[in-house]
């Protein structure tokens, strides 16, 4: 039989894991924190890149729309004198000629051209009787009339969507002449004195 002392059995040496284990855990926590920081940085960079791309896409679409509007604005600007000429021609038709079919045909062409341009966003700027607005009116003349109001439209103005394509050329009222007012007052005083 084996006569060994059970208490003398060889016990594997106990390795103190306290110092080494703490170092391993600390280094793992440090590595985890670094990886989390990298992941957050990558996520922030990705989100920034995605936002930049969406802004680029929106800006490109907006520029494309502006180029299309500019192209149509150029075409409409070149057609406005034709529209003006047709309008003036139709206004000057005498009563003798108004019954002819060719005059009716020209009027139909005018209406069709105007409707087509309006279908593409062209609209007239209302001027007559409106307060003078330098953003959409161009003052060509000043005359007696209600101060600051448009008293006559010399040339129609047009907008393309919300932008002024051509301002209205207008005559603006500058109020009544002071001399006229003084003369009227003087005449009234003379009449009162002669009556009284």
N, C-alpha and C. Protein backbone atom coordinates (compact mmCIF):
# COMPACT_ATOMS: atom_id res chain seq x y z
N UNK A 1 0.80 -1.17 0.00
CA UNK A 1 0.00 0.00 0.00
C UNK A 1 0.84 1.23 0.00
N UNK A 2 0.16 2.15 -0.35
CA UNK A 2 0.86 3.41 -0.49
C UNK A 2 0.71 4.14 0.82
N UNK A 3 1.82 4.49 1.34
CA UNK A 3 1.75 5.14 2.63
C UNK A 3 2.04 6.64 2.50
N UNK A 4 1.31 7.20 1.88
CA UNK A 4 1.52 8.64 1.76
C UNK A 4 0.58 9.35 2.69
N UNK A 5 1.04 10.48 3.04
CA UNK A 5 0.24 11.29 3.93
C UNK A 5 -0.71 12.11 3.06
N UNK A 6 -2.02 11.97 3.32
CA UNK A 6 -2.95 12.70 2.49
C UNK A 6 -2.74 14.21 2.62
N UNK A 7 -2.30 14.65 3.65
CA UNK A 7 -2.11 16.08 3.79
C UNK A 7 -0.88 16.53 3.04
N UNK A 8 -0.04 15.56 2.73
CA UNK A 8 1.19 15.90 2.04
C UNK A 8 1.03 15.81 0.55
N UNK A 9 -0.16 15.56 0.12
CA UNK A 9 -0.38 15.48 -1.34
C UNK A 9 0.08 16.78 -1.97
N UNK A 10 0.54 16.61 -3.13
CA UNK A 10 1.04 17.80 -3.82
C UNK A 10 -0.13 18.65 -4.28
N UNK A 11 -0.11 19.81 -3.86
CA UNK A 11 -1.13 20.76 -4.22
C UNK A 11 -0.51 21.66 -5.28
N UNK A 12 -1.26 21.83 -6.36
CA UNK A 12 -0.68 22.70 -7.39
C UNK A 12 -0.47 24.09 -6.81
N UNK A 13 0.59 24.69 -7.22
CA UNK A 13 0.88 26.00 -6.66
C UNK A 13 -0.24 26.99 -7.01
N UNK A 14 -0.62 27.78 -6.09
CA UNK A 14 -1.68 28.76 -6.27
C UNK A 14 -1.05 30.01 -6.88
N UNK A 15 -1.63 30.35 -8.02
CA UNK A 15 -1.11 31.53 -8.69
C UNK A 15 -2.00 32.69 -8.29
N UNK A 16 -1.40 33.67 -7.84
CA UNK A 16 -2.17 34.84 -7.47
C UNK A 16 -2.55 35.58 -8.74
N UNK A 17 -3.82 35.58 -9.00
CA UNK A 17 -4.30 36.24 -10.21
C UNK A 17 -4.69 37.68 -9.93
N UNK A 18 -4.59 38.12 -8.81
CA UNK A 18 -5.01 39.45 -8.43
C UNK A 18 -4.30 40.54 -9.22
N UNK A 19 -3.04 40.56 -9.27
CA UNK A 19 -2.30 41.63 -9.92
C UNK A 19 -2.38 41.50 -11.43
N UNK A 20 -2.12 40.26 -11.93
CA UNK A 20 -2.17 40.06 -13.39
C UNK A 20 -3.60 40.18 -13.91
N UNK A 21 -4.56 39.67 -13.22
CA UNK A 21 -5.96 39.73 -13.63
C UNK A 21 -6.47 41.16 -13.66
N UNK A 22 -6.07 41.92 -12.68
CA UNK A 22 -6.49 43.32 -12.66
C UNK A 22 -5.89 44.08 -13.82
N UNK A 23 -4.64 43.74 -14.16
CA UNK A 23 -4.00 44.39 -15.31
C UNK A 23 -4.72 44.02 -16.60
N UNK A 24 -5.08 42.74 -16.73
CA UNK A 24 -5.78 42.28 -17.93
C UNK A 24 -7.15 42.95 -18.05
N UNK A 25 -7.89 43.03 -16.98
CA UNK A 25 -9.21 43.66 -16.99
C UNK A 25 -9.09 45.15 -17.31
N UNK A 26 -8.12 45.79 -16.71
CA UNK A 26 -7.92 47.22 -16.96
C UNK A 26 -7.55 47.47 -18.42
N UNK A 27 -6.67 46.62 -18.94
CA UNK A 27 -6.27 46.80 -20.35
C UNK A 27 -7.44 46.50 -21.28
N UNK A 28 -8.26 45.51 -20.93
CA UNK A 28 -9.44 45.21 -21.75
C UNK A 28 -10.44 46.37 -21.70
N UNK A 29 -10.64 46.93 -20.52
CA UNK A 29 -11.55 48.07 -20.40
C UNK A 29 -11.04 49.26 -21.19
N UNK A 30 -9.72 49.46 -21.12
CA UNK A 30 -9.10 50.56 -21.87
C UNK A 30 -9.27 50.33 -23.37
N UNK A 31 -9.05 49.10 -23.83
CA UNK A 31 -9.19 48.77 -25.26
C UNK A 31 -10.65 48.93 -25.68
N UNK A 32 -11.57 48.51 -24.81
CA UNK A 32 -12.99 48.65 -25.11
C UNK A 32 -13.37 50.13 -25.21
N UNK A 33 -12.87 50.94 -24.31
CA UNK A 33 -13.17 52.37 -24.36
C UNK A 33 -12.61 52.99 -25.64
N UNK A 34 -11.40 52.58 -26.04
CA UNK A 34 -10.80 53.10 -27.28
C UNK A 34 -11.63 52.69 -28.49
N UNK A 35 -12.07 51.44 -28.50
CA UNK A 35 -12.89 50.96 -29.63
C UNK A 35 -14.24 51.66 -29.68
N UNK A 36 -14.82 51.92 -28.52
CA UNK A 36 -16.08 52.65 -28.48
C UNK A 36 -15.89 54.07 -29.01
N UNK A 37 -14.79 54.70 -28.61
CA UNK A 37 -14.50 56.06 -29.10
C UNK A 37 -14.32 56.05 -30.62
N UNK A 38 -13.61 55.02 -31.12
CA UNK A 38 -13.45 54.90 -32.57
C UNK A 38 -14.80 54.70 -33.25
N UNK A 39 -15.63 53.85 -32.69
CA UNK A 39 -16.95 53.58 -33.27
C UNK A 39 -17.80 54.85 -33.28
N UNK A 40 -17.77 55.62 -32.19
CA UNK A 40 -18.52 56.87 -32.13
C UNK A 40 -17.98 57.87 -33.15
N UNK A 41 -16.67 57.91 -33.29
CA UNK A 41 -16.05 58.80 -34.27
C UNK A 41 -16.46 58.39 -35.69
N UNK A 42 -16.43 57.08 -35.96
CA UNK A 42 -16.84 56.58 -37.29
C UNK A 42 -18.31 56.90 -37.55
N UNK A 43 -19.15 56.72 -36.52
CA UNK A 43 -20.57 57.01 -36.67
C UNK A 43 -20.79 58.50 -36.94
N UNK A 44 -20.10 59.35 -36.18
CA UNK A 44 -20.25 60.80 -36.39
C UNK A 44 -19.77 61.19 -37.79
N UNK A 45 -18.64 60.63 -38.22
CA UNK A 45 -18.14 60.93 -39.57
C UNK A 45 -19.11 60.43 -40.64
N UNK A 46 -19.70 59.27 -40.44
CA UNK A 46 -20.65 58.73 -41.40
C UNK A 46 -21.90 59.61 -41.46
N UNK A 47 -22.39 60.03 -40.29
CA UNK A 47 -23.57 60.90 -40.26
C UNK A 47 -23.27 62.24 -40.93
N UNK A 48 -22.08 62.79 -40.68
CA UNK A 48 -21.69 64.04 -41.32
C UNK A 48 -21.60 63.87 -42.83
N UNK A 49 -21.01 62.76 -43.27
CA UNK A 49 -20.90 62.50 -44.71
C UNK A 49 -22.29 62.32 -45.33
N UNK A 50 -23.18 61.66 -44.63
CA UNK A 50 -24.54 61.48 -45.14
C UNK A 50 -25.26 62.83 -45.23
N UNK A 51 -25.11 63.68 -44.23
CA UNK A 51 -25.74 65.01 -44.25
C UNK A 51 -25.14 65.84 -45.38
N UNK A 52 -23.81 65.77 -45.57
CA UNK A 52 -23.17 66.50 -46.67
C UNK A 52 -23.70 66.02 -48.01
N UNK A 53 -23.87 64.73 -48.15
CA UNK A 53 -24.38 64.18 -49.40
C UNK A 53 -25.81 64.65 -49.66
N UNK A 54 -26.65 64.64 -48.63
CA UNK A 54 -28.03 65.09 -48.79
C UNK A 54 -28.07 66.58 -49.15
N UNK A 55 -27.20 67.38 -48.51
CA UNK A 55 -27.13 68.81 -48.84
C UNK A 55 -26.66 69.01 -50.28
N UNK A 56 -25.67 68.22 -50.69
CA UNK A 56 -25.17 68.29 -52.07
C UNK A 56 -26.28 67.93 -53.06
N UNK A 57 -27.00 66.88 -52.75
CA UNK A 57 -28.08 66.43 -53.63
C UNK A 57 -29.17 67.50 -53.74
N UNK A 58 -29.55 68.10 -52.61
CA UNK A 58 -30.57 69.15 -52.60
C UNK A 58 -30.08 70.39 -53.36
N UNK A 59 -28.81 70.77 -53.12
CA UNK A 59 -28.24 71.93 -53.78
C UNK A 59 -28.16 71.72 -55.29
N UNK A 60 -27.77 70.52 -55.70
CA UNK A 60 -27.70 70.20 -57.13
C UNK A 60 -29.07 70.27 -57.77
N UNK A 61 -30.08 69.75 -57.10
CA UNK A 61 -31.45 69.80 -57.62
C UNK A 61 -31.93 71.25 -57.73
N UNK A 62 -31.62 72.04 -56.72
CA UNK A 62 -32.01 73.45 -56.73
C UNK A 62 -31.32 74.19 -57.87
N UNK A 63 -30.03 73.93 -58.07
CA UNK A 63 -29.30 74.58 -59.16
C UNK A 63 -29.86 74.15 -60.52
N UNK A 64 -30.23 72.90 -60.65
CA UNK A 64 -30.83 72.41 -61.89
C UNK A 64 -32.14 73.12 -62.17
N UNK A 65 -32.96 73.30 -61.13
CA UNK A 65 -34.23 74.03 -61.30
C UNK A 65 -33.98 75.48 -61.67
N UNK A 66 -32.98 76.10 -61.04
CA UNK A 66 -32.67 77.50 -61.35
C UNK A 66 -32.19 77.65 -62.79
N UNK A 67 -31.40 76.69 -63.27
CA UNK A 67 -30.94 76.74 -64.66
C UNK A 67 -32.13 76.62 -65.61
N UNK A 68 -33.07 75.74 -65.29
CA UNK A 68 -34.26 75.58 -66.13
C UNK A 68 -35.09 76.87 -66.12
N UNK A 69 -35.25 77.48 -64.96
CA UNK A 69 -36.01 78.73 -64.87
C UNK A 69 -35.29 79.84 -65.62
N UNK A 70 -33.97 79.89 -65.50
CA UNK A 70 -33.19 80.90 -66.21
C UNK A 70 -33.32 80.73 -67.72
N UNK A 71 -33.30 79.49 -68.18
CA UNK A 71 -33.45 79.24 -69.62
C UNK A 71 -34.83 79.68 -70.10
N UNK A 72 -35.86 79.36 -69.33
CA UNK A 72 -37.20 79.78 -69.75
C UNK A 72 -37.36 81.29 -69.60
N UNK A 73 -36.67 81.89 -68.63
CA UNK A 73 -36.74 83.35 -68.47
C UNK A 73 -36.13 84.04 -69.67
N UNK A 74 -35.03 83.51 -70.17
CA UNK A 74 -34.38 84.10 -71.34
C UNK A 74 -35.30 84.02 -72.55
N UNK A 75 -35.93 82.88 -72.73
CA UNK A 75 -36.86 82.72 -73.85
C UNK A 75 -38.05 83.66 -73.71
N UNK A 76 -38.60 83.75 -72.50
CA UNK A 76 -39.77 84.62 -72.30
C UNK A 76 -39.42 86.09 -72.47
N UNK A 77 -38.22 86.48 -72.03
CA UNK A 77 -37.80 87.87 -72.22
C UNK A 77 -37.73 88.22 -73.71
N UNK A 78 -37.32 87.26 -74.52
CA UNK A 78 -37.24 87.54 -75.96
C UNK A 78 -38.63 87.51 -76.61
N UNK A 79 -39.61 86.87 -75.97
CA UNK A 79 -40.96 86.82 -76.52
C UNK A 79 -41.85 87.98 -76.05
N UNK A 80 -41.46 88.65 -74.98
CA UNK A 80 -42.28 89.75 -74.46
C UNK A 80 -42.47 90.89 -75.46
N UNK A 81 -41.45 91.30 -76.21
CA UNK A 81 -41.68 92.35 -77.22
C UNK A 81 -42.70 91.92 -78.28
N UNK A 82 -42.71 90.64 -78.64
CA UNK A 82 -43.69 90.14 -79.61
C UNK A 82 -45.09 90.25 -79.01
N UNK A 83 -45.22 89.88 -77.75
CA UNK A 83 -46.51 89.98 -77.05
C UNK A 83 -46.96 91.44 -76.99
N UNK A 84 -46.03 92.34 -76.67
CA UNK A 84 -46.35 93.77 -76.63
C UNK A 84 -46.81 94.28 -78.00
N UNK A 85 -46.09 93.88 -79.05
CA UNK A 85 -46.44 94.33 -80.40
C UNK A 85 -47.81 93.83 -80.82
N UNK A 86 -48.12 92.57 -80.52
CA UNK A 86 -49.44 92.04 -80.85
C UNK A 86 -50.53 92.80 -80.09
N UNK A 87 -50.27 93.09 -78.83
CA UNK A 87 -51.25 93.82 -78.02
C UNK A 87 -51.49 95.23 -78.59
N UNK A 88 -50.40 95.92 -78.93
CA UNK A 88 -50.54 97.27 -79.50
C UNK A 88 -51.26 97.22 -80.84
N UNK A 89 -50.95 96.21 -81.66
CA UNK A 89 -51.60 96.09 -82.96
C UNK A 89 -53.10 95.86 -82.79
N UNK A 90 -53.48 95.02 -81.84
CA UNK A 90 -54.91 94.74 -81.63
C UNK A 90 -55.63 95.95 -81.04
N UNK A 91 -54.94 96.75 -80.23
CA UNK A 91 -55.57 97.94 -79.67
C UNK A 91 -55.79 99.02 -80.73
N UNK A 92 -54.96 99.02 -81.76
CA UNK A 92 -55.07 100.07 -82.78
C UNK A 92 -55.93 99.68 -83.98
N UNK A 93 -56.56 98.50 -83.94
CA UNK A 93 -57.42 98.07 -85.05
C UNK A 93 -58.67 98.95 -85.06
N UNK A 94 -58.95 99.51 -86.23
CA UNK A 94 -60.13 100.38 -86.34
C UNK A 94 -61.41 99.53 -86.39
N UNK A 95 -62.53 100.20 -86.22
CA UNK A 95 -63.81 99.47 -86.24
C UNK A 95 -64.09 98.88 -87.61
N UNK A 96 -63.61 99.51 -88.66
CA UNK A 96 -63.81 98.98 -90.01
C UNK A 96 -63.15 97.62 -90.18
N UNK A 97 -61.96 97.47 -89.57
CA UNK A 97 -61.20 96.22 -89.73
C UNK A 97 -61.56 95.16 -88.71
N UNK A 98 -62.23 95.54 -87.64
CA UNK A 98 -62.48 94.59 -86.56
C UNK A 98 -63.37 93.42 -86.96
N UNK A 99 -64.10 93.52 -88.01
CA UNK A 99 -64.97 92.42 -88.44
C UNK A 99 -64.28 91.38 -89.31
N UNK A 100 -63.09 91.66 -89.78
CA UNK A 100 -62.41 90.71 -90.67
C UNK A 100 -61.90 89.50 -89.89
N UNK A 101 -61.92 88.37 -90.57
CA UNK A 101 -61.48 87.12 -89.92
C UNK A 101 -59.99 87.10 -89.63
N UNK A 102 -59.19 87.77 -90.47
CA UNK A 102 -57.75 87.76 -90.22
C UNK A 102 -57.42 88.53 -88.94
N UNK A 103 -58.21 89.54 -88.60
CA UNK A 103 -58.01 90.26 -87.33
C UNK A 103 -58.36 89.35 -86.17
N UNK A 104 -59.47 88.60 -86.34
CA UNK A 104 -59.84 87.62 -85.31
C UNK A 104 -58.76 86.56 -85.15
N UNK A 105 -58.14 86.17 -86.27
CA UNK A 105 -57.05 85.18 -86.24
C UNK A 105 -55.84 85.71 -85.48
N UNK A 106 -55.49 86.97 -85.68
CA UNK A 106 -54.36 87.56 -84.96
C UNK A 106 -54.68 87.66 -83.47
N UNK A 107 -55.93 88.00 -83.15
CA UNK A 107 -56.33 88.06 -81.75
C UNK A 107 -56.26 86.67 -81.10
N UNK A 108 -56.62 85.66 -81.85
CA UNK A 108 -56.54 84.28 -81.35
C UNK A 108 -55.08 83.89 -81.11
N UNK A 109 -54.20 84.26 -82.02
CA UNK A 109 -52.77 83.98 -81.85
C UNK A 109 -52.24 84.68 -80.61
N UNK A 110 -52.64 85.92 -80.42
CA UNK A 110 -52.22 86.68 -79.23
C UNK A 110 -52.67 85.98 -77.96
N UNK A 111 -53.94 85.60 -77.90
CA UNK A 111 -54.46 84.93 -76.69
C UNK A 111 -53.76 83.60 -76.45
N UNK A 112 -53.48 82.86 -77.53
CA UNK A 112 -52.82 81.56 -77.39
C UNK A 112 -51.38 81.73 -76.90
N UNK A 113 -50.66 82.71 -77.43
CA UNK A 113 -49.30 82.97 -76.98
C UNK A 113 -49.28 83.37 -75.51
N UNK A 114 -50.20 84.25 -75.14
CA UNK A 114 -50.28 84.71 -73.75
C UNK A 114 -50.62 83.55 -72.81
N UNK A 115 -51.57 82.71 -73.22
CA UNK A 115 -51.96 81.57 -72.38
C UNK A 115 -50.81 80.57 -72.24
N UNK A 116 -50.04 80.37 -73.30
CA UNK A 116 -48.90 79.46 -73.24
C UNK A 116 -47.84 79.99 -72.28
N UNK A 117 -47.55 81.27 -72.38
CA UNK A 117 -46.56 81.87 -71.48
C UNK A 117 -47.04 81.84 -70.03
N UNK A 118 -48.32 82.10 -69.83
CA UNK A 118 -48.88 82.03 -68.47
C UNK A 118 -48.84 80.60 -67.93
N UNK A 119 -49.00 79.63 -68.82
CA UNK A 119 -48.92 78.22 -68.41
C UNK A 119 -47.53 77.84 -67.92
N UNK A 120 -46.53 78.59 -68.35
CA UNK A 120 -45.15 78.34 -67.93
C UNK A 120 -44.71 79.25 -66.80
N UNK A 121 -45.66 79.93 -66.16
CA UNK A 121 -45.35 80.70 -64.96
C UNK A 121 -45.28 82.20 -65.14
N UNK A 122 -45.60 82.72 -66.32
CA UNK A 122 -45.55 84.16 -66.54
C UNK A 122 -46.85 84.79 -66.04
N UNK A 123 -46.74 85.92 -65.36
CA UNK A 123 -47.93 86.64 -64.90
C UNK A 123 -47.67 88.14 -64.98
N UNK A 124 -48.74 88.90 -65.25
CA UNK A 124 -48.62 90.35 -65.34
C UNK A 124 -48.49 90.94 -63.94
N UNK A 125 -47.72 92.02 -63.86
CA UNK A 125 -47.61 92.76 -62.60
C UNK A 125 -48.69 93.84 -62.62
N UNK A 126 -49.54 93.83 -61.61
CA UNK A 126 -50.59 94.83 -61.53
C UNK A 126 -49.95 96.16 -61.14
N UNK A 127 -50.25 97.21 -61.88
CA UNK A 127 -49.59 98.49 -61.62
C UNK A 127 -50.57 99.63 -61.42
N UNK A 128 -51.54 99.78 -62.31
CA UNK A 128 -52.42 100.94 -62.32
C UNK A 128 -53.19 101.06 -61.01
N UNK A 129 -53.04 102.20 -60.32
CA UNK A 129 -53.74 102.45 -59.07
C UNK A 129 -53.04 101.87 -57.85
N UNK A 130 -51.97 101.14 -58.05
CA UNK A 130 -51.24 100.53 -56.94
C UNK A 130 -50.20 101.51 -56.39
N UNK A 131 -49.79 101.35 -55.14
CA UNK A 131 -48.69 102.16 -54.62
C UNK A 131 -47.41 101.83 -55.39
N UNK A 132 -46.59 102.83 -55.64
CA UNK A 132 -45.34 102.61 -56.37
C UNK A 132 -44.43 101.71 -55.56
N UNK A 133 -43.94 100.64 -56.19
CA UNK A 133 -43.03 99.68 -55.57
C UNK A 133 -41.80 99.56 -56.46
N UNK A 134 -40.65 100.06 -56.02
CA UNK A 134 -39.46 100.02 -56.88
C UNK A 134 -38.99 98.60 -57.20
N UNK A 135 -39.48 97.60 -56.48
CA UNK A 135 -39.10 96.22 -56.77
C UNK A 135 -39.78 95.70 -58.03
N UNK A 136 -40.95 96.23 -58.37
CA UNK A 136 -41.66 95.73 -59.54
C UNK A 136 -42.14 96.83 -60.48
N UNK A 137 -41.88 98.08 -60.15
CA UNK A 137 -42.25 99.20 -61.02
C UNK A 137 -41.00 100.02 -61.34
N UNK A 138 -40.95 100.53 -62.56
CA UNK A 138 -39.88 101.44 -62.96
C UNK A 138 -40.53 102.77 -63.28
N UNK A 139 -40.19 103.80 -62.50
CA UNK A 139 -40.80 105.12 -62.69
C UNK A 139 -40.15 105.80 -63.89
N UNK A 140 -40.93 106.02 -64.93
CA UNK A 140 -40.43 106.70 -66.12
C UNK A 140 -40.76 108.18 -66.07
N UNK A 141 -41.92 108.51 -65.49
CA UNK A 141 -42.37 109.90 -65.42
C UNK A 141 -43.04 110.15 -64.07
N UNK A 142 -43.02 111.43 -63.70
CA UNK A 142 -43.79 111.89 -62.54
C UNK A 142 -44.77 112.94 -63.05
N UNK A 143 -45.97 112.89 -62.55
CA UNK A 143 -46.99 113.85 -62.98
C UNK A 143 -47.92 114.12 -61.81
N UNK A 144 -48.78 115.12 -62.01
CA UNK A 144 -49.76 115.43 -60.97
C UNK A 144 -50.69 114.24 -60.79
N UNK A 145 -50.95 113.94 -59.58
CA UNK A 145 -51.82 112.82 -59.25
C UNK A 145 -51.60 112.43 -57.81
N UNK A 146 -52.29 111.41 -57.39
CA UNK A 146 -52.17 110.96 -56.01
C UNK A 146 -50.73 110.56 -55.74
N UNK A 147 -50.15 111.14 -54.71
CA UNK A 147 -48.73 110.97 -54.43
C UNK A 147 -48.39 109.51 -54.11
N UNK A 148 -47.36 109.02 -54.79
CA UNK A 148 -46.88 107.66 -54.52
C UNK A 148 -47.68 106.57 -55.19
N UNK A 149 -48.70 106.93 -55.96
CA UNK A 149 -49.53 105.92 -56.65
C UNK A 149 -49.19 105.92 -58.14
N UNK A 150 -49.35 104.75 -58.74
CA UNK A 150 -49.15 104.62 -60.19
C UNK A 150 -50.40 105.18 -60.86
N UNK A 151 -50.22 106.20 -61.70
CA UNK A 151 -51.38 106.82 -62.34
C UNK A 151 -51.51 106.40 -63.80
N UNK A 152 -50.45 105.83 -64.37
CA UNK A 152 -50.53 105.33 -65.76
C UNK A 152 -49.46 104.27 -65.96
N UNK A 153 -49.82 103.22 -66.70
CA UNK A 153 -48.87 102.16 -67.03
C UNK A 153 -48.43 102.36 -68.48
N UNK A 154 -47.14 102.61 -68.67
CA UNK A 154 -46.61 102.85 -70.01
C UNK A 154 -46.23 101.55 -70.71
N UNK A 155 -45.73 100.59 -69.94
CA UNK A 155 -45.39 99.27 -70.48
C UNK A 155 -45.65 98.23 -69.40
N UNK A 156 -46.31 97.14 -69.78
CA UNK A 156 -46.64 96.10 -68.80
C UNK A 156 -45.38 95.44 -68.26
N UNK A 157 -45.46 95.08 -67.00
CA UNK A 157 -44.39 94.33 -66.37
C UNK A 157 -44.84 92.90 -66.14
N UNK A 158 -43.87 92.00 -66.04
CA UNK A 158 -44.19 90.58 -65.89
C UNK A 158 -43.31 89.94 -64.83
N UNK A 159 -43.88 88.92 -64.19
CA UNK A 159 -43.16 88.06 -63.25
C UNK A 159 -43.07 86.67 -63.86
N UNK A 160 -41.99 85.99 -63.54
CA UNK A 160 -41.86 84.57 -63.86
C UNK A 160 -41.83 83.85 -62.53
N UNK A 161 -42.91 83.16 -62.22
CA UNK A 161 -43.13 82.55 -60.90
C UNK A 161 -43.11 83.68 -59.87
N UNK A 162 -42.09 83.74 -59.01
CA UNK A 162 -42.09 84.78 -57.98
C UNK A 162 -41.04 85.86 -58.25
N UNK A 163 -40.33 85.78 -59.38
CA UNK A 163 -39.29 86.75 -59.70
C UNK A 163 -39.78 87.74 -60.75
N UNK A 164 -39.35 88.99 -60.59
CA UNK A 164 -39.71 90.01 -61.58
C UNK A 164 -38.86 89.77 -62.82
N UNK A 165 -39.55 89.55 -63.94
CA UNK A 165 -38.86 89.34 -65.21
C UNK A 165 -38.60 90.67 -65.91
N UNK A 166 -39.64 91.50 -65.91
CA UNK A 166 -39.52 92.85 -66.47
C UNK A 166 -40.41 93.75 -65.63
N UNK A 167 -39.85 94.82 -65.05
CA UNK A 167 -40.68 95.70 -64.23
C UNK A 167 -41.64 96.52 -65.11
N UNK A 168 -42.76 96.90 -64.54
CA UNK A 168 -43.71 97.77 -65.24
C UNK A 168 -43.13 99.16 -65.35
N UNK A 169 -43.19 99.73 -66.55
CA UNK A 169 -42.76 101.11 -66.73
C UNK A 169 -43.99 101.98 -66.48
N UNK A 170 -43.89 102.87 -65.49
CA UNK A 170 -45.09 103.57 -65.03
C UNK A 170 -44.87 105.07 -64.89
N UNK A 171 -46.00 105.77 -64.80
CA UNK A 171 -46.02 107.19 -64.47
C UNK A 171 -46.55 107.26 -63.04
N UNK A 172 -45.81 107.97 -62.18
CA UNK A 172 -46.14 108.01 -60.76
C UNK A 172 -46.64 109.40 -60.38
N UNK A 173 -47.64 109.43 -59.55
CA UNK A 173 -48.19 110.69 -59.07
C UNK A 173 -47.27 111.33 -58.06
N UNK A 174 -47.09 112.64 -58.18
CA UNK A 174 -46.23 113.36 -57.25
C UNK A 174 -47.02 114.32 -56.38
N UNK A 175 -48.33 114.20 -56.40
CA UNK A 175 -49.18 115.10 -55.62
C UNK A 175 -49.57 116.29 -56.47
N UNK A 176 -50.38 117.16 -55.91
CA UNK A 176 -50.81 118.36 -56.63
C UNK A 176 -49.72 119.42 -56.51
N UNK A 177 -49.63 120.25 -57.51
CA UNK A 177 -48.66 121.35 -57.49
C UNK A 177 -49.02 122.31 -56.38
N UNK A 178 -48.01 122.81 -55.67
CA UNK A 178 -48.26 123.77 -54.59
C UNK A 178 -48.79 125.08 -55.14
N UNK A 179 -48.33 125.47 -56.31
CA UNK A 179 -48.79 126.72 -56.92
C UNK A 179 -50.29 126.66 -57.17
N UNK A 180 -50.74 125.52 -57.69
CA UNK A 180 -52.17 125.37 -57.96
C UNK A 180 -52.98 125.50 -56.68
N UNK A 181 -52.48 124.89 -55.61
CA UNK A 181 -53.19 124.95 -54.34
C UNK A 181 -53.23 126.39 -53.82
N UNK A 182 -52.09 127.11 -53.95
CA UNK A 182 -52.05 128.51 -53.49
C UNK A 182 -52.98 129.38 -54.33
N UNK A 183 -52.99 129.13 -55.64
CA UNK A 183 -53.86 129.91 -56.53
C UNK A 183 -55.32 129.66 -56.19
N UNK A 184 -55.67 128.40 -55.92
CA UNK A 184 -57.05 128.08 -55.58
C UNK A 184 -57.44 128.77 -54.27
N UNK A 185 -56.52 128.75 -53.29
CA UNK A 185 -56.80 129.40 -52.02
C UNK A 185 -56.96 130.90 -52.22
N UNK A 186 -56.08 131.48 -53.02
CA UNK A 186 -56.16 132.93 -53.28
C UNK A 186 -57.46 133.27 -53.99
N UNK A 187 -57.88 132.46 -54.96
CA UNK A 187 -59.12 132.72 -55.69
C UNK A 187 -60.32 132.61 -54.77
N UNK A 188 -60.29 131.65 -53.84
CA UNK A 188 -61.39 131.49 -52.90
C UNK A 188 -61.47 132.70 -51.97
N UNK A 189 -60.32 133.21 -51.53
CA UNK A 189 -60.30 134.37 -50.64
C UNK A 189 -60.84 135.60 -51.37
N UNK A 190 -60.47 135.75 -52.65
CA UNK A 190 -60.94 136.89 -53.44
C UNK A 190 -62.46 136.80 -53.60
N UNK A 191 -62.97 135.61 -53.86
CA UNK A 191 -64.40 135.43 -54.03
C UNK A 191 -65.15 135.74 -52.74
N UNK A 192 -64.58 135.30 -51.60
CA UNK A 192 -65.21 135.56 -50.31
C UNK A 192 -65.26 137.06 -50.01
N UNK A 193 -64.16 137.75 -50.33
CA UNK A 193 -64.10 139.19 -50.08
C UNK A 193 -65.11 139.94 -50.97
N UNK A 194 -65.24 139.51 -52.21
CA UNK A 194 -66.18 140.19 -53.11
C UNK A 194 -67.63 139.89 -52.74
N UNK A 195 -67.86 138.71 -52.18
CA UNK A 195 -69.21 138.35 -51.75
C UNK A 195 -69.56 139.00 -50.42
N UNK A 196 -68.58 139.24 -49.62
CA UNK A 196 -68.83 139.71 -48.26
C UNK A 196 -68.71 141.14 -48.10
